[in-house]
Amino acid sequence: MLSLGIIYFMLFAIIAAFGFLGKYIAELKGRNPMEGFLLGIFLGLLGVLIEAVLPRK
C-alpha cells in the first residue's frame, strides 16, 4: 500500500504538470502564461483544454 506522503507527492506532481502544460499552451498562443498556469492548476485537464481552444491574441 502506498504511504500518504507518496500519494500527496503524486497528486502535487499531476497538478503541477497540468499547470505547466496550460502555461506552455498559453505561451504558444501568445496569451498570458499565468492565465494558462492558473487554469491548469485549478481546473486540471479541463483548464488545459479551455486554454487550447481559446483564440490567439
C-alpha atoms as a PDB file:
ATOM      1  CA  MET A   1       0.000   0.000   0.000  1.00  0.00           C
ATOM      2  CA  LEU A   2       1.239   3.469  -0.827  1.00  0.00           C
ATOM      3  CA  SER A   3       2.017   5.783   2.033  1.00  0.00           C
ATOM      4  CA  LEU A   4       0.124   9.049   2.343  1.00  0.00           C
ATOM      5  CA  GLY A   5       3.266  11.051   1.545  1.00  0.00           C
ATOM      6  CA  ILE A   6       3.715   9.309  -1.796  1.00  0.00           C
ATOM      7  CA  ILE A   7       0.058   9.884  -2.682  1.00  0.00           C
ATOM      8  CA  TYR A   8       0.366  13.605  -1.861  1.00  0.00           C
ATOM      9  CA  PHE A   9       3.550  13.862  -3.911  1.00  0.00           C
ATOM     10  CA  MET A  10       1.929  12.200  -6.915  1.00  0.00           C
ATOM     11  CA  LEU A  11      -1.116  14.476  -6.618  1.00  0.00           C
ATOM     12  CA  PHE A  12       1.143  17.543  -6.446  1.00  0.00           C
ATOM     13  CA  ALA A  13       3.117  16.339  -9.482  1.00  0.00           C
ATOM     14  CA  ILE A  14      -0.047  15.822 -11.534  1.00  0.00           C
ATOM     15  CA  ILE A  15      -1.448  19.238 -10.594  1.00  0.00           C
ATOM     16  CA  ALA A  16       1.884  20.915 -11.393  1.00  0.00           C
ATOM     17  CA  ALA A  17       2.056  19.106 -14.750  1.00  0.00           C
ATOM     18  CA  PHE A  18      -1.391  20.436 -15.722  1.00  0.00           C
ATOM     19  CA  GLY A  19      -0.309  23.919 -14.671  1.00  0.00           C
ATOM     20  CA  PHE A  20       2.863  23.873 -16.735  1.00  0.00           C
ATOM     21  CA  LEU A  21       1.065  22.335 -19.708  1.00  0.00           C
ATOM     22  CA  GLY A  22      -1.505  25.138 -19.588  1.00  0.00           C
ATOM     23  CA  LYS A  23       1.335  27.685 -19.341  1.00  0.00           C
ATOM     24  CA  TYR A  24       3.073  26.153 -22.349  1.00  0.00           C
ATOM     25  CA  ILE A  25      -0.087  26.223 -24.477  1.00  0.00           C
ATOM     26  CA  ALA A  26      -0.789  29.826 -23.470  1.00  0.00           C
ATOM     27  CA  GLU A  27       2.738  30.866 -24.493  1.00  0.00           C
ATOM     28  CA  LEU A  28       2.349  29.156 -27.877  1.00  0.00           C
ATOM     29  CA  LYS A  29      -0.869  31.078 -28.497  1.00  0.00           C
ATOM     30  CA  GLY A  30       0.546  34.432 -27.401  1.00  0.00           C
ATOM     31  CA  ARG A  31      -1.653  34.584 -24.312  1.00  0.00           C
ATOM     32  CA  ASN A  32      -0.692  35.381 -20.728  1.00  0.00           C
ATOM     33  CA  PRO A  33       1.227  32.359 -19.363  1.00  0.00           C
ATOM     34  CA  MET A  34      -0.122  32.956 -15.848  1.00  0.00           C
ATOM     35  CA  GLU A  35      -3.643  32.548 -17.224  1.00  0.00           C
ATOM     36  CA  GLY A  36      -2.774  29.122 -18.623  1.00  0.00           C
ATOM     37  CA  PHE A  37      -0.933  28.085 -15.480  1.00  0.00           C
ATOM     38  CA  LEU A  38      -3.823  29.003 -13.188  1.00  0.00           C
ATOM     39  CA  LEU A  39      -6.394  27.347 -15.435  1.00  0.00           C
ATOM     40  CA  GLY A  40      -4.293  24.183 -15.426  1.00  0.00           C
ATOM     41  CA  ILE A  41      -3.779  24.246 -11.661  1.00  0.00           C
ATOM     42  CA  PHE A  42      -7.384  24.925 -10.660  1.00  0.00           C
ATOM     43  CA  LEU A  43      -9.277  23.076 -13.403  1.00  0.00           C
ATOM     44  CA  GLY A  44      -6.792  20.358 -14.360  1.00  0.00           C
ATOM     45  CA  LEU A  45      -7.373  18.742 -17.723  1.00  0.00           C
ATOM     46  CA  LEU A  46     -10.467  20.867 -18.313  1.00  0.00           C
ATOM     47  CA  GLY A  47      -8.383  24.021 -17.818  1.00  0.00           C
ATOM     48  CA  VAL A  48      -5.773  22.826 -20.297  1.00  0.00           C
ATOM     49  CA  LEU A  49      -8.500  22.080 -22.841  1.00  0.00           C
ATOM     50  CA  ILE A  50     -10.055  25.520 -22.288  1.00  0.00           C
ATOM     51  CA  GLU A  51      -6.676  27.152 -22.867  1.00  0.00           C
ATOM     52  CA  ALA A  52      -6.231  25.088 -26.026  1.00  0.00           C
ATOM     53  CA  VAL A  53      -9.492  26.266 -27.584  1.00  0.00           C
ATOM     54  CA  LEU A  54      -9.163  29.943 -26.637  1.00  0.00           C
ATOM     55  CA  PRO A  55      -8.293  32.151 -29.601  1.00  0.00           C
ATOM     56  CA  ARG A  56      -4.805  33.543 -30.188  1.00  0.00           C
ATOM     57  CA  LYS A  57      -4.121  37.081 -29.051  1.00  0.00           C
END
